[in-house]
Amino acid sequence: MEKIASFTVNHLTLEPGVYVSRMDADPATGAVVTTFDLRLTAPNREPVMDTAAVHAIEHLGATYLRNSPDWRERVVYFGPMGCRTGFYLILFGEHTSAEVAPLVRETFEFVRDFEGEIPGARPEECGNWHDADLAQAKWWARRYVTNTLENIDEAHLVYPED
């Protein structure tokens, strides 16, 4: 079998950032979706996020994105990477990392500043409603905004070449 695209990125040199992971076009319609790698930690060199933090970020991020007046119609998916080092954001259309970096920043500022009950975190709304940690989610969001998104540069918008 062919190696999938995300496994071809060198995770020993990858740093936190906002990267285009892939663009896919439906052969029948030509409709394009862009998958973004929102990397919060340096893989294999920094601790991964706890599942409760990831779960809270997923709920808050998805809620924010699907309510964004400018982007909600283009959001296909927002969710965690299995390795717990970041998230995938999938949008309809061809987009660049530089184009979506402000949206990513707004999303994680929303998580960082959120107060109250996590949306969708009730037993009737979520299959693992009790596994969400808002304090940790806010900590990771603050770290990503401060260390990566506030002054993001080209090196953190394009996958490194090996």
Protein backbone atom coordinates (compact mmCIF):
# COMPACT_ATOMS: atom_id res chain seq x y z
CA MET A 1 0.00 0.00 0.00
CA GLU A 2 1.05 3.58 -0.60
CA LYS A 3 2.05 5.66 2.40
CA ILE A 4 -0.58 8.29 3.19
CA ALA A 5 0.46 11.95 2.92
CA SER A 6 0.52 12.71 6.65
CA PHE A 7 3.04 9.91 7.22
CA THR A 8 5.48 11.45 4.74
CA VAL A 9 5.99 14.61 6.84
CA ASN A 10 9.11 14.33 9.00
CA HIS A 11 7.72 14.43 12.52
CA LEU A 12 11.24 14.75 13.93
CA THR A 13 11.60 18.28 12.52
CA LEU A 14 7.95 19.45 12.44
CA GLU A 15 7.15 22.39 14.70
CA PRO A 16 3.86 23.89 15.84
CA GLY A 17 2.16 25.77 13.03
CA VAL A 18 -0.69 25.90 10.50
CA TYR A 19 0.06 23.73 7.48
CA VAL A 20 -1.80 22.61 4.37
CA SER A 21 -1.76 18.85 4.76
CA ARG A 22 -3.49 18.11 1.45
CA MET A 23 -6.01 19.27 -1.13
CA ASP A 24 -8.44 16.78 -2.57
CA ALA A 25 -10.82 17.14 -5.50
CA ASP A 26 -13.89 15.00 -6.04
CA PRO A 27 -13.34 13.38 -9.46
CA ALA A 28 -17.06 13.54 -10.26
CA THR A 29 -17.76 17.17 -9.35
CA GLY A 30 -14.34 18.80 -9.07
CA ALA A 31 -15.26 20.10 -5.61
CA VAL A 32 -12.09 20.69 -3.60
CA VAL A 33 -11.47 20.35 0.11
CA THR A 34 -8.34 21.55 1.90
CA THR A 35 -7.11 19.73 4.99
CA PHE A 36 -5.08 21.77 7.45
CA ASP A 37 -2.66 20.41 10.03
CA LEU A 38 -3.03 22.63 13.09
CA ARG A 39 0.02 21.45 15.01
CA LEU A 40 0.10 22.51 18.66
CA THR A 41 3.16 20.56 19.83
CA ALA A 42 6.50 19.54 18.35
CA PRO A 43 5.89 15.81 17.73
CA ASN A 44 8.09 13.38 19.62
CA ARG A 45 9.86 16.27 21.39
CA GLU A 46 7.12 17.81 23.53
CA PRO A 47 4.38 16.23 25.63
CA VAL A 48 1.13 15.42 23.86
CA MET A 49 -2.18 16.89 24.96
CA ASP A 50 -4.29 14.98 27.45
CA THR A 51 -7.45 13.50 25.95
CA ALA A 52 -9.67 15.64 28.20
CA ALA A 53 -8.01 18.83 26.89
CA VAL A 54 -8.27 17.60 23.30
CA HIS A 55 -11.95 16.79 23.78
CA ALA A 56 -12.72 20.23 25.20
CA ILE A 57 -10.82 21.97 22.37
CA GLU A 58 -12.68 19.84 19.84
CA HIS A 59 -16.09 20.88 21.20
CA LEU A 60 -15.17 24.55 21.54
CA GLY A 61 -13.31 24.77 18.23
CA ALA A 62 -16.06 23.05 16.26
CA THR A 63 -18.69 25.28 17.87
CA TYR A 64 -16.75 28.45 17.07
CA LEU A 65 -15.96 27.46 13.49
CA ARG A 66 -19.50 26.34 12.69
CA ASN A 67 -20.81 29.65 13.99
CA SER A 68 -18.32 31.86 12.14
CA PRO A 69 -20.34 34.07 9.78
CA ASP A 70 -17.53 34.11 7.20
CA TRP A 71 -16.47 30.45 7.36
CA ARG A 72 -19.32 28.26 8.65
CA GLU A 73 -20.51 27.27 5.17
CA ARG A 74 -16.99 26.09 4.31
CA VAL A 75 -16.27 24.04 7.45
CA VAL A 76 -16.35 20.31 6.79
CA TYR A 77 -14.60 19.07 9.92
CA PHE A 78 -12.57 20.11 12.95
CA GLY A 79 -11.16 17.38 15.14
CA PRO A 80 -8.12 15.90 16.84
CA MET A 81 -5.19 13.99 15.44
CA GLY A 82 -4.89 10.53 16.92
CA CYS A 83 -1.37 11.33 18.15
CA ARG A 84 -2.78 14.22 20.22
CA THR A 85 -0.26 16.76 18.90
CA GLY A 86 -2.81 18.85 17.03
CA PHE A 87 -6.05 19.07 15.08
CA TYR A 88 -7.30 18.77 11.53
CA LEU A 89 -9.42 21.49 9.99
CA ILE A 90 -11.06 20.58 6.68
CA LEU A 91 -12.61 23.33 4.58
CA PHE A 92 -14.46 23.34 1.27
CA GLY A 93 -12.39 25.09 -1.38
CA GLU A 94 -8.72 25.73 -2.10
CA HIS A 95 -7.16 27.70 0.74
CA THR A 96 -3.67 28.55 1.93
CA SER A 97 -2.25 28.41 5.42
CA ALA A 98 -1.70 32.17 5.40
CA GLU A 99 -5.34 32.69 4.45
CA VAL A 100 -6.73 30.60 7.33
CA ALA A 101 -4.15 31.52 10.00
CA PRO A 102 -6.32 34.44 11.24
CA LEU A 103 -9.33 32.09 11.54
CA VAL A 104 -7.23 29.56 13.43
CA ARG A 105 -6.00 32.29 15.75
CA GLU A 106 -9.58 33.51 16.38
CA THR A 107 -10.67 29.94 17.08
CA PHE A 108 -7.95 29.32 19.64
CA GLU A 109 -8.46 32.75 21.22
CA PHE A 110 -12.10 31.73 21.65
CA VAL A 111 -10.98 28.53 23.40
CA ARG A 112 -8.42 30.44 25.51
CA ASP A 113 -11.01 32.99 26.66
CA PHE A 114 -14.03 30.69 27.01
CA GLU A 115 -15.98 30.74 30.27
CA GLY A 116 -18.94 28.58 31.16
CA GLU A 117 -20.23 25.17 30.23
CA ILE A 118 -18.49 23.51 27.28
CA PRO A 119 -20.98 23.28 24.38
CA GLY A 120 -22.21 19.75 23.75
CA ALA A 121 -20.77 18.43 27.02
CA ARG A 122 -23.92 16.88 28.47
CA PRO A 123 -24.71 13.17 28.53
CA GLU A 124 -27.51 13.54 25.97
CA GLU A 125 -25.17 15.44 23.61
CA CYS A 126 -21.87 13.56 23.79
CA GLY A 127 -20.79 9.94 24.09
CA ASN A 128 -17.99 10.77 26.55
CA TRP A 129 -19.31 14.01 28.05
CA HIS A 130 -17.42 13.76 31.33
CA ASP A 131 -13.96 13.58 29.67
CA ALA A 132 -13.39 17.29 28.98
CA ASP A 133 -11.02 19.61 30.84
CA LEU A 134 -11.63 23.29 30.17
CA ALA A 135 -8.65 24.49 32.22
CA GLN A 136 -6.24 22.33 30.23
CA ALA A 137 -7.90 23.30 26.95
CA LYS A 138 -7.44 26.96 27.80
CA TRP A 139 -3.79 26.36 28.73
CA TRP A 140 -3.04 24.66 25.39
CA ALA A 141 -4.95 27.32 23.45
CA ARG A 142 -3.07 30.13 25.24
CA ARG A 143 0.25 28.40 24.49
CA TYR A 144 -0.61 27.93 20.79
CA VAL A 145 -1.80 31.53 20.39
CA THR A 146 1.16 33.06 22.24
CA ASN A 147 3.98 30.83 20.98
CA THR A 148 2.83 30.16 17.43
CA LEU A 149 -0.14 32.10 16.10
CA GLU A 150 0.52 35.68 17.28
CA ASN A 151 3.63 36.08 15.13
CA ILE A 152 3.34 33.18 12.71
CA ASP A 153 5.90 33.21 9.91
CA GLU A 154 6.41 31.33 6.64
CA ALA A 155 8.42 28.60 8.40
CA HIS A 156 5.33 27.69 10.41
CA LEU A 157 2.92 27.92 7.46
CA VAL A 158 4.67 25.48 5.08
CA TYR A 159 5.83 21.97 5.93
CA PRO A 160 9.62 21.82 6.31
CA GLU A 161 11.60 20.34 3.45
CA ASP A 162 13.90 17.46 4.31
